[in-house]
């Protein structure tokens, strides 16, 4: 059985067990089965055929999850859309995917209408709540359809940090394999309650946490969004056993004065990813919650995402590492000709396994560039140590070449994170008339802290080679990020003049 079929099967085998918890509402597996089947039945009634695309442009809720599985259950393709994009960016995704139907939040309806894309059906969550009426419509009878391993189940568009976003086609087999892989890697059981505070339209929340917990028959605690006060209250009140956050979220939570008063006896695992977690932050997290394990996760949308993981026993010993290959997964570091490089040498990270995407929608050229001989070329630069653990050095496109010397921004950022006053840091290349480009550091200070650019540069001078030093430091209130928590470095670089 694939994921949509599995959640329906749980609706039969454990109908009374709570599946989703959203605000003050709980849905059991049995209730959820009915709702997912009615969504599938609605689009069947409206004449949709297997393979038709339904866009899911909505924020976090139990309704989002019902739509995600219901669309796929009918043999249709679910296309989650980032709610933080502009109307023109969203319009591109609607048009490129040829989405026939749309499920959206009432507060997002105006933006979706401004895209100009013509849909056959638009279902609104909240407001008039056409979606809610369908969930309750007993006249809708689902007609089961066969789901095939290589059928496209989900199209997820890359963040589009450079150029137009690419539509990553993920098959039912890809998504099921990823659920199995992460369930094993995180020791998930049917007793787990995963608290999801990051966007479900992103592959991390949906495919690394929602699906693996569902695969094991566990429960999901869904928040509309991350809010320090509400997130901590939910952790305590809803008995979560697992929580995922990007490093910035953990930095905010750990700086709260009430963090040590949190009573979470059932919490067993903190997961983090999307950006490097500084040593001091990992150390503080483990000191504050000595009974909770921590685990670093690494992957890309193109591998559903699942590549490597760093487990708790290595958290402080192998700081900066993203760990070892996941089950059923091969990972290696190669040179520009595709040959493996020795430990310590930098190369491109490539991944092979059942979770690697089918390809990019309507883009055979980029697909051929990304997948070669079954290996997915990630675009990430990395190295392994003598124990075989992987370290991300940087994105290939982010590497700075200063007068012929390679500068990896991540290496500079790790030094900046060691400065006690620094909350966040990002380093990008800036044009230079002599050296071609030089590093520039953007710094966000901790609340109530002060630091001068001279002090920042003095610290860097003691820990970095001269050619790696930032040429300039700029202080910001916050760093620009996409919905997955990754820093949008292109937004920090100067606009090139035509």
Protein backbone atom coordinates (compact mmCIF):
# COMPACT_ATOMS: atom_id res chain seq x y z
CA UNK A 1 0.00 0.00 0.00
CA UNK A 2 1.10 3.54 -0.73
CA UNK A 3 0.67 6.40 1.74
CA UNK A 4 -2.90 7.48 0.76
CA UNK A 5 -4.05 3.84 0.94
CA UNK A 6 -2.22 3.28 4.21
CA UNK A 7 -3.94 6.13 6.03
CA UNK A 8 -7.30 4.78 4.81
CA UNK A 9 -6.37 1.29 6.02
CA UNK A 10 -5.60 2.72 9.48
CA UNK A 11 -9.07 4.25 9.35
CA UNK A 12 -10.39 0.70 9.29
CA UNK A 13 -7.93 -1.01 11.65
CA UNK A 14 -7.70 1.70 14.35
CA UNK A 15 -10.69 3.99 13.72
CA UNK A 16 -10.89 5.33 17.29
CA UNK A 17 -7.25 6.38 17.58
CA UNK A 18 -6.58 10.12 17.42
CA UNK A 19 -4.72 10.98 14.22
CA UNK A 20 -4.66 14.79 13.98
CA UNK A 21 -4.79 17.41 16.72
CA UNK A 22 -5.30 20.96 15.47
CA UNK A 23 -6.06 23.71 17.97
CA UNK A 24 -9.05 22.39 19.94
CA UNK A 25 -10.11 19.83 17.33
CA UNK A 26 -9.18 16.15 17.14
CA UNK A 27 -9.84 13.80 14.24
CA UNK A 28 -9.56 10.05 14.67
CA UNK A 29 -8.22 7.82 11.92
CA UNK A 30 -11.77 6.72 11.25
CA UNK A 31 -13.02 10.29 10.86
CA UNK A 32 -10.02 11.19 8.73
CA UNK A 33 -10.66 8.25 6.40
CA UNK A 34 -14.16 9.55 5.66
CA UNK A 35 -12.90 13.06 4.94
CA UNK A 36 -10.08 11.95 2.63
CA UNK A 37 -12.41 9.65 0.72
CA UNK A 38 -14.97 12.44 0.25
CA UNK A 39 -12.32 14.78 -1.17
CA UNK A 40 -11.30 12.10 -3.67
CA UNK A 41 -14.96 11.38 -4.45
CA UNK A 42 -15.70 15.07 -5.06
CA UNK A 43 -13.06 15.42 -7.77
CA UNK A 44 -14.15 12.08 -9.28
CA UNK A 45 -17.72 13.39 -9.45
CA UNK A 46 -16.51 16.56 -11.16
CA UNK A 47 -14.93 14.49 -13.92
CA UNK A 48 -11.25 14.67 -12.95
CA UNK A 49 -9.09 11.89 -14.32
CA UNK A 50 -6.08 10.20 -12.71
CA UNK A 51 -3.03 12.38 -13.29
CA UNK A 52 -4.95 15.67 -13.15
CA UNK A 53 -3.25 18.22 -10.89
CA UNK A 54 -4.96 19.83 -7.92
CA UNK A 55 -3.07 22.75 -6.32
CA UNK A 56 -3.07 22.95 -2.52
CA UNK A 57 -2.49 26.60 -1.62
CA UNK A 58 -3.15 26.63 2.12
CA UNK A 59 -1.54 27.07 5.51
CA UNK A 60 -1.14 24.44 8.21
CA UNK A 61 -4.28 22.70 9.44
CA UNK A 62 -5.82 19.26 9.69
CA UNK A 63 -7.76 20.21 6.54
CA UNK A 64 -4.45 20.57 4.66
CA UNK A 65 -3.55 16.98 5.57
CA UNK A 66 -6.99 15.71 4.53
CA UNK A 67 -6.59 17.49 1.18
CA UNK A 68 -3.03 16.18 0.70
CA UNK A 69 -4.10 12.56 1.09
CA UNK A 70 -7.56 12.93 -0.47
CA UNK A 71 -6.19 14.33 -3.71
CA UNK A 72 -3.72 11.46 -4.06
CA UNK A 73 -6.28 8.84 -3.06
CA UNK A 74 -8.31 9.61 -6.18
CA UNK A 75 -5.24 9.11 -8.37
CA UNK A 76 -4.81 12.86 -8.80
CA UNK A 77 -1.56 14.80 -8.32
CA UNK A 78 -1.22 17.10 -5.31
CA UNK A 79 0.77 20.31 -5.88
CA UNK A 80 1.39 22.11 -2.55
CA UNK A 81 2.17 25.81 -3.03
CA UNK A 82 4.24 28.08 -0.80
CA UNK A 83 1.85 30.59 0.79
CA UNK A 84 4.61 33.19 1.15
CA UNK A 85 5.08 33.69 -2.59
CA UNK A 86 3.74 36.63 -4.57
CA UNK A 87 0.74 36.33 -6.89
CA UNK A 88 3.00 36.28 -9.96
CA UNK A 89 5.18 33.52 -8.49
CA UNK A 90 2.12 31.49 -7.53
CA UNK A 91 0.62 32.08 -10.97
CA UNK A 92 3.72 30.60 -12.57
CA UNK A 93 3.32 27.41 -10.50
CA UNK A 94 -0.41 27.17 -11.28
CA UNK A 95 0.27 27.60 -15.00
CA UNK A 96 3.38 25.42 -15.20
CA UNK A 97 1.74 22.53 -13.34
CA UNK A 98 -1.47 22.95 -15.39
CA UNK A 99 -3.44 22.72 -12.16
CA UNK A 100 -7.07 21.93 -12.90
CA UNK A 101 -8.45 22.38 -9.38
CA UNK A 102 -7.54 24.42 -6.31
CA UNK A 103 -7.97 23.99 -2.56
CA UNK A 104 -7.14 27.19 -0.69
CA UNK A 105 -7.67 29.12 2.53
CA UNK A 106 -10.32 31.84 2.59
CA UNK A 107 -7.70 34.48 3.44
CA UNK A 108 -5.59 33.41 0.45
CA UNK A 109 -8.42 33.41 -2.07
CA UNK A 110 -7.85 37.00 -3.21
CA UNK A 111 -4.18 36.28 -3.98
CA UNK A 112 -5.02 33.10 -5.90
CA UNK A 113 -7.65 35.00 -7.90
CA UNK A 114 -5.07 37.66 -8.84
CA UNK A 115 -2.91 35.04 -10.56
CA UNK A 116 -5.43 34.95 -13.41
CA UNK A 117 -5.21 31.15 -13.63
CA UNK A 118 -8.51 29.54 -14.56
CA UNK A 119 -9.53 26.56 -12.42
CA UNK A 120 -12.35 24.14 -12.97
CA UNK A 121 -13.08 23.95 -9.23
CA UNK A 122 -11.96 26.10 -6.31
CA UNK A 123 -12.63 24.85 -2.78
CA UNK A 124 -12.23 27.33 0.06
CA UNK A 125 -11.25 26.37 3.61
CA UNK A 126 -12.94 28.75 6.06
CA UNK A 127 -15.10 31.66 4.98
CA UNK A 128 -17.84 30.11 2.85
CA UNK A 129 -16.06 26.79 3.61
CA UNK A 130 -17.01 24.81 0.50
CA UNK A 131 -14.25 22.43 1.58
CA UNK A 132 -15.91 21.81 4.95
CA UNK A 133 -19.24 21.04 3.27
CA UNK A 134 -17.54 18.41 1.11
CA UNK A 135 -15.93 16.79 4.15
CA UNK A 136 -19.40 16.39 5.65
CA UNK A 137 -21.23 15.38 2.44
CA UNK A 138 -22.36 11.78 2.95
CA UNK A 139 -23.63 11.58 -0.63
CA UNK A 140 -20.06 11.57 -1.94
CA UNK A 141 -19.03 7.94 -2.50
CA UNK A 142 -15.39 7.21 -3.30
CA UNK A 143 -14.62 4.81 -6.14
CA UNK A 144 -11.23 3.15 -5.42
CA UNK A 145 -8.62 3.51 -8.15
CA UNK A 146 -5.33 1.62 -8.51
CA UNK A 147 -2.24 3.63 -7.51
CA UNK A 148 0.93 2.67 -9.33
CA UNK A 149 4.43 2.95 -7.91
CA UNK A 150 5.75 5.28 -10.62
CA UNK A 151 2.67 7.48 -10.89
CA UNK A 152 3.36 11.07 -9.87
CA UNK A 153 1.75 11.63 -6.47
CA UNK A 154 3.07 15.07 -5.57
CA UNK A 155 4.74 17.94 -7.41
CA UNK A 156 6.76 20.14 -5.10
CA UNK A 157 8.29 23.29 -6.48
CA UNK A 158 11.79 24.16 -5.40
CA UNK A 159 12.22 27.36 -3.42
CA UNK A 160 13.25 29.33 -6.47
CA UNK A 161 16.16 31.08 -4.75
CA UNK A 162 17.60 31.57 -8.24
CA UNK A 163 15.56 31.65 -11.43
CA UNK A 164 12.16 30.04 -11.87
CA UNK A 165 11.24 27.27 -9.43
CA UNK A 166 11.40 23.72 -10.81
CA UNK A 167 8.56 21.25 -10.30
CA UNK A 168 9.97 18.15 -8.58
CA UNK A 169 7.89 15.09 -9.50
CA UNK A 170 7.68 12.60 -6.63
CA UNK A 171 6.11 9.20 -7.19
CA UNK A 172 4.04 7.12 -4.78
CA UNK A 173 7.09 4.85 -4.47
CA UNK A 174 9.37 7.81 -3.65
CA UNK A 175 7.08 9.05 -0.89
CA UNK A 176 6.48 5.63 0.66
CA UNK A 177 10.20 4.82 0.66
CA UNK A 178 10.99 8.13 2.36
CA UNK A 179 8.36 7.46 5.04
CA UNK A 180 9.88 4.02 5.70
CA UNK A 181 13.44 5.38 5.73
CA UNK A 182 12.79 8.22 8.19
CA UNK A 183 10.56 6.07 10.41
CA UNK A 184 13.50 3.68 10.84
CA UNK A 185 16.10 6.44 11.24
CA UNK A 186 14.12 8.24 13.96
CA UNK A 187 12.80 5.08 15.67
CA UNK A 188 9.21 6.24 15.19
CA UNK A 189 6.44 4.10 16.69
CA UNK A 190 2.64 4.27 16.81
CA UNK A 191 2.99 5.96 20.21
CA UNK A 192 4.71 9.04 18.79
CA UNK A 193 3.05 12.45 18.64
CA UNK A 194 4.85 14.70 16.20
CA UNK A 195 4.39 18.44 16.71
CA UNK A 196 4.55 20.23 13.34
CA UNK A 197 5.16 23.99 13.49
CA UNK A 198 6.89 24.43 10.12
CA UNK A 199 4.89 24.74 6.85
CA UNK A 200 3.24 21.55 5.61
CA UNK A 201 3.52 22.79 2.02
CA UNK A 202 7.25 22.21 2.38
CA UNK A 203 8.78 18.76 1.94
CA UNK A 204 10.41 18.63 5.39
CA UNK A 205 7.21 18.95 7.43
CA UNK A 206 5.16 16.75 5.11
CA UNK A 207 7.59 14.03 3.99
CA UNK A 208 10.09 13.84 6.86
CA UNK A 209 7.56 14.06 9.69
CA UNK A 210 3.89 13.90 8.67
CA UNK A 211 4.29 10.85 6.42
CA UNK A 212 6.69 8.76 8.56
CA UNK A 213 4.54 9.24 11.69
CA UNK A 214 1.45 8.39 9.65
CA UNK A 215 3.24 5.35 8.21
CA UNK A 216 3.68 3.99 11.76
CA UNK A 217 0.12 4.90 12.81
CA UNK A 218 1.10 7.69 15.21
CA UNK A 219 -0.47 11.09 15.81
CA UNK A 220 0.16 14.61 14.47
CA UNK A 221 -0.06 17.82 16.51
CA UNK A 222 -0.42 20.61 13.96
CA UNK A 223 0.21 24.30 14.63
CA UNK A 224 -0.81 27.04 12.20
CA UNK A 225 2.72 28.42 12.45
CA UNK A 226 5.66 28.74 14.79
CA UNK A 227 5.06 31.12 17.71
CA UNK A 228 7.47 30.85 20.68
CA UNK A 229 4.85 31.18 23.37
CA UNK A 230 2.19 29.04 21.68
CA UNK A 231 4.67 26.44 20.47
CA UNK A 232 6.02 25.84 23.98
CA UNK A 233 2.50 25.73 25.42
CA UNK A 234 1.48 23.19 22.78
CA UNK A 235 4.52 21.03 23.46
CA UNK A 236 3.48 20.85 27.10
CA UNK A 237 -0.29 20.62 26.70
CA UNK A 238 -0.49 18.12 23.82
CA UNK A 239 2.17 15.66 25.09
CA UNK A 240 4.33 15.82 21.97
CA UNK A 241 7.09 13.24 21.74
CA UNK A 242 8.89 14.79 18.73
CA UNK A 243 9.55 18.33 17.55
CA UNK A 244 11.33 19.76 14.50
CA UNK A 245 12.75 23.23 14.06
CA UNK A 246 15.30 25.12 12.04
CA UNK A 247 18.22 26.47 14.14
CA UNK A 248 16.72 29.97 14.27
CA UNK A 249 13.62 28.53 15.97
CA UNK A 250 15.69 26.74 18.60
CA UNK A 251 17.74 29.90 19.20
CA UNK A 252 14.53 31.84 19.88
CA UNK A 253 13.09 29.17 22.18
CA UNK A 254 16.29 28.70 24.18
CA UNK A 255 16.58 32.44 24.79
CA UNK A 256 13.19 32.53 26.51
CA UNK A 257 13.47 32.93 30.31
CA UNK A 258 10.72 30.33 30.91
CA UNK A 259 12.32 27.58 28.82
CA UNK A 260 13.64 25.64 31.84
CA UNK A 261 10.16 25.57 33.38
CA UNK A 262 8.78 23.53 30.50
CA UNK A 263 7.24 20.25 31.68
CA UNK A 264 7.51 17.77 28.78
CA UNK A 265 8.08 14.29 30.25
CA UNK A 266 7.06 12.51 27.04
CA UNK A 267 9.27 14.53 24.70
CA UNK A 268 12.01 12.23 23.35
CA UNK A 269 13.46 13.82 20.21
CA UNK A 270 14.40 17.26 18.89
CA UNK A 271 15.10 17.29 15.15
CA UNK A 272 16.81 20.10 13.29
CA UNK A 273 17.87 20.84 9.73
CA UNK A 274 17.73 23.29 6.78
CA UNK A 275 20.71 25.26 8.15
CA UNK A 276 23.83 24.65 10.30
CA UNK A 277 23.27 24.33 14.05
CA UNK A 278 26.11 26.05 15.97
CA UNK A 279 27.93 24.07 18.66
CA UNK A 280 26.84 26.40 21.46
CA UNK A 281 23.21 26.05 20.44
CA UNK A 282 23.35 22.24 20.34
CA UNK A 283 25.13 22.23 23.70
CA UNK A 284 22.55 24.54 25.28
CA UNK A 285 19.70 22.44 23.87
CA UNK A 286 21.12 19.25 25.36
CA UNK A 287 21.86 20.95 28.70
CA UNK A 288 18.35 22.39 28.91
CA UNK A 289 16.69 19.08 27.98
CA UNK A 290 19.10 16.34 29.15
CA UNK A 291 16.54 13.56 28.61
CA UNK A 292 15.71 14.54 25.02
CA UNK A 293 17.85 13.31 22.13
CA UNK A 294 18.75 15.55 19.21
CA UNK A 295 19.07 14.55 15.56
CA UNK A 296 20.24 16.45 12.49
CA UNK A 297 18.49 15.75 9.17
CA UNK A 298 19.73 16.41 5.63
CA UNK A 299 18.12 16.10 2.22
CA UNK A 300 16.70 18.02 -0.72
CA UNK A 301 13.27 18.26 -2.33
CA UNK A 302 14.73 16.18 -5.17
CA UNK A 303 15.29 13.24 -2.82
CA UNK A 304 11.89 13.67 -1.18
CA UNK A 305 13.96 14.72 1.12
CA UNK A 306 16.17 12.01 2.61
CA UNK A 307 19.96 11.69 2.37
CA UNK A 308 21.79 11.55 5.73
CA UNK A 309 21.25 11.95 9.46
CA UNK A 310 23.44 12.71 12.48
CA UNK A 311 22.15 10.96 15.59
CA UNK A 312 22.37 12.08 19.19
CA UNK A 313 25.56 10.25 20.16
CA UNK A 314 27.50 12.31 17.59
CA UNK A 315 25.70 15.63 18.19
CA UNK A 316 28.55 17.38 20.01
CA UNK A 317 31.47 15.22 18.90
CA UNK A 318 30.78 15.73 15.19
CA UNK A 319 29.41 19.27 15.25
CA UNK A 320 28.72 20.58 11.76
CA UNK A 321 28.26 17.09 10.32
CA UNK A 322 25.01 15.94 8.74
CA UNK A 323 25.96 12.38 9.59
CA UNK A 324 25.81 9.10 7.74
CA UNK A 325 23.71 7.79 4.90
CA UNK A 326 20.13 6.86 5.75
CA UNK A 327 18.86 3.27 5.39
CA UNK A 328 18.57 2.07 1.77
CA UNK A 329 20.53 5.16 0.70
CA UNK A 330 23.98 5.63 -0.84
CA UNK A 331 25.81 8.94 -0.47
CA UNK A 332 29.24 9.89 -1.79
CA UNK A 333 31.34 12.96 -2.56
CA UNK A 334 32.64 13.23 -6.12
CA UNK A 335 34.85 15.45 -8.24
CA UNK A 336 33.68 17.32 -11.35
CA UNK A 337 34.09 14.13 -13.39
CA UNK A 338 31.91 12.12 -11.03
CA UNK A 339 34.73 10.16 -9.37
CA UNK A 340 34.77 9.73 -5.55
CA UNK A 341 37.22 11.96 -3.69
CA UNK A 342 39.18 10.91 -0.56
CA UNK A 343 38.14 11.94 2.99
CA UNK A 344 38.78 15.62 3.68
CA UNK A 345 38.62 16.66 0.04
CA UNK A 346 35.72 18.85 -1.09
CA UNK A 347 33.43 17.69 -3.88
CA UNK A 348 29.78 17.52 -4.88
CA UNK A 349 27.42 15.37 -2.80
CA UNK A 350 25.51 12.76 -4.80
CA UNK A 351 22.70 10.52 -3.56
CA UNK A 352 21.18 7.27 -4.79
CA UNK A 353 18.16 5.43 -3.42
CA UNK A 354 14.43 4.74 -3.86
CA UNK A 355 13.59 8.29 -2.73
CA UNK A 356 15.27 10.06 -5.68
CA UNK A 357 12.69 11.99 -7.71
CA UNK A 358 11.24 10.95 -11.07
CA UNK A 359 12.53 14.22 -12.49
CA UNK A 360 11.62 17.85 -13.08
CA UNK A 361 8.24 18.55 -14.65
CA UNK A 362 8.57 19.59 -18.31
CA UNK A 363 12.33 19.97 -17.99
CA UNK A 364 14.21 17.00 -19.42
CA UNK A 365 17.44 18.98 -19.73
CA UNK A 366 17.60 19.83 -16.01
CA UNK A 367 16.53 16.29 -15.11
CA UNK A 368 19.40 14.84 -17.15
CA UNK A 369 21.79 17.26 -15.47
CA UNK A 370 20.57 16.36 -11.97
CA UNK A 371 20.24 12.56 -12.31
CA UNK A 372 23.13 10.69 -13.89
CA UNK A 373 23.47 6.93 -13.73
CA UNK A 374 20.85 6.78 -11.00
CA UNK A 375 22.76 9.27 -8.84
CA UNK A 376 21.19 12.60 -7.93
CA UNK A 377 23.73 15.43 -8.09
CA UNK A 378 22.67 17.67 -5.21
CA UNK A 379 24.50 20.90 -5.99
CA UNK A 380 25.85 20.83 -2.44
CA UNK A 381 29.57 20.80 -1.78
CA UNK A 382 30.75 18.53 1.00
CA UNK A 383 33.48 16.35 2.43
CA UNK A 384 33.66 13.24 4.56
CA UNK A 385 35.85 12.65 7.60
CA UNK A 386 37.85 9.51 8.36
CA UNK A 387 34.80 7.97 10.04
CA UNK A 388 32.76 8.38 6.87
CA UNK A 389 30.51 11.14 8.23
CA UNK A 390 29.42 13.86 5.83
CA UNK A 391 29.91 17.61 6.23
CA UNK A 392 28.22 20.24 4.09
CA UNK A 393 30.73 22.81 2.93
CA UNK A 394 28.34 24.99 0.93
CA UNK A 395 26.16 25.23 -2.13
CA UNK A 396 28.21 25.18 -5.33
CA UNK A 397 26.58 28.41 -6.42
CA UNK A 398 27.38 30.13 -3.08
CA UNK A 399 31.12 29.46 -3.12
CA UNK A 400 33.16 32.69 -3.24
CA UNK A 401 36.33 32.83 -5.35
CA UNK A 402 38.51 35.59 -3.92
CA UNK A 403 41.54 36.23 -6.07
CA UNK A 404 41.71 32.55 -7.03
CA UNK A 405 41.16 31.26 -3.48
CA UNK A 406 37.96 29.34 -2.67
CA UNK A 407 36.04 30.73 0.30
CA UNK A 408 33.15 28.64 1.64
CA UNK A 409 30.61 30.95 3.32
CA UNK A 410 29.54 28.22 5.73
CA UNK A 411 33.05 28.05 7.17
CA UNK A 412 33.00 31.80 7.86
CA UNK A 413 29.46 31.61 9.27
CA UNK A 414 30.49 28.90 11.74
CA UNK A 415 33.10 31.27 13.16
CA UNK A 416 30.59 34.11 13.38
CA UNK A 417 28.17 31.84 15.28
CA UNK A 418 30.83 31.39 17.97
CA UNK A 419 30.58 35.08 18.91
CA UNK A 420 28.32 35.26 22.01
CA UNK A 421 26.38 38.31 20.81
CA UNK A 422 25.50 36.80 17.40
CA UNK A 423 22.10 35.19 16.89
CA UNK A 424 22.30 34.61 13.13
CA UNK A 425 24.83 35.16 10.37
CA UNK A 426 25.00 34.85 6.60
CA UNK A 427 28.00 35.39 4.33
CA UNK A 428 27.77 36.15 0.60
CA UNK A 429 30.16 37.16 -2.15
CA UNK A 430 30.28 40.81 -3.19
CA UNK A 431 31.92 42.18 -6.35
CA UNK A 432 35.44 43.57 -5.93
CA UNK A 433 37.51 45.42 -8.58
CA UNK A 434 40.74 43.59 -7.71
CA UNK A 435 39.83 40.19 -6.24
CA UNK A 436 36.70 39.53 -8.29
CA UNK A 437 34.59 38.98 -5.20
CA UNK A 438 35.06 39.14 -1.44
CA UNK A 439 33.03 37.89 1.55
CA UNK A 440 30.50 40.15 3.26
CA UNK A 441 28.89 39.20 6.58
CA UNK A 442 25.29 39.98 7.52
CA UNK A 443 24.70 39.73 11.27
CA UNK A 444 21.60 39.54 13.46
CA UNK A 445 22.42 40.19 17.12
CA UNK A 446 20.68 38.59 20.08
CA UNK A 447 18.04 40.71 21.73
CA UNK A 448 19.60 43.26 24.07
CA UNK A 449 23.15 42.57 22.83
CA UNK A 450 25.54 44.95 21.12
CA UNK A 451 28.62 44.45 18.97
CA UNK A 452 30.58 46.61 16.55
CA UNK A 453 31.79 45.59 13.13
CA UNK A 454 35.33 46.10 14.41
CA UNK A 455 34.76 43.58 17.20
CA UNK A 456 33.25 41.08 14.75
CA UNK A 457 36.20 41.40 12.37
CA UNK A 458 38.71 41.19 15.21
CA UNK A 459 37.23 37.87 16.30
CA UNK A 460 37.29 36.55 12.73
CA UNK A 461 40.92 37.61 12.34
CA UNK A 462 41.87 35.29 15.21
CA UNK A 463 40.09 32.29 13.68
CA UNK A 464 40.25 32.62 9.89
CA UNK A 465 42.89 32.93 7.20
CA UNK A 466 43.23 36.45 5.88
CA UNK A 467 41.65 35.69 2.47
CA UNK A 468 38.53 34.32 4.23
CA UNK A 469 37.89 37.45 6.31
CA UNK A 470 34.71 39.43 5.60
CA UNK A 471 35.50 42.65 3.82
CA UNK A 472 32.45 44.25 5.39
CA UNK A 473 29.90 43.61 8.16
CA UNK A 474 26.28 44.73 8.03
CA UNK A 475 23.80 44.38 10.91
CA UNK A 476 20.18 43.42 10.17
CA UNK A 477 17.06 42.94 12.27
CA UNK A 478 16.48 39.58 10.57
CA UNK A 479 17.76 37.53 7.67
CA UNK A 480 15.54 36.96 4.61
CA UNK A 481 14.32 33.36 4.55
CA UNK A 482 12.11 31.13 2.48
CA UNK A 483 9.34 29.01 3.97
CA UNK A 484 11.72 26.15 4.76
CA UNK A 485 13.88 28.40 6.92
CA UNK A 486 16.76 28.64 4.47
CA UNK A 487 18.42 32.03 4.11
CA UNK A 488 17.76 33.68 0.75
CA UNK A 489 21.31 34.72 -0.02
CA UNK A 490 20.38 36.12 -3.40
CA UNK A 491 18.35 38.76 -1.55
CA UNK A 492 21.52 39.87 0.25
CA UNK A 493 23.64 40.19 -2.87
CA UNK A 494 23.68 43.46 -4.85
CA UNK A 495 21.48 43.57 -7.93
CA UNK A 496 23.55 43.15 -11.08
CA UNK A 497 23.34 46.09 -13.44
CA UNK A 498 22.38 45.35 -17.02
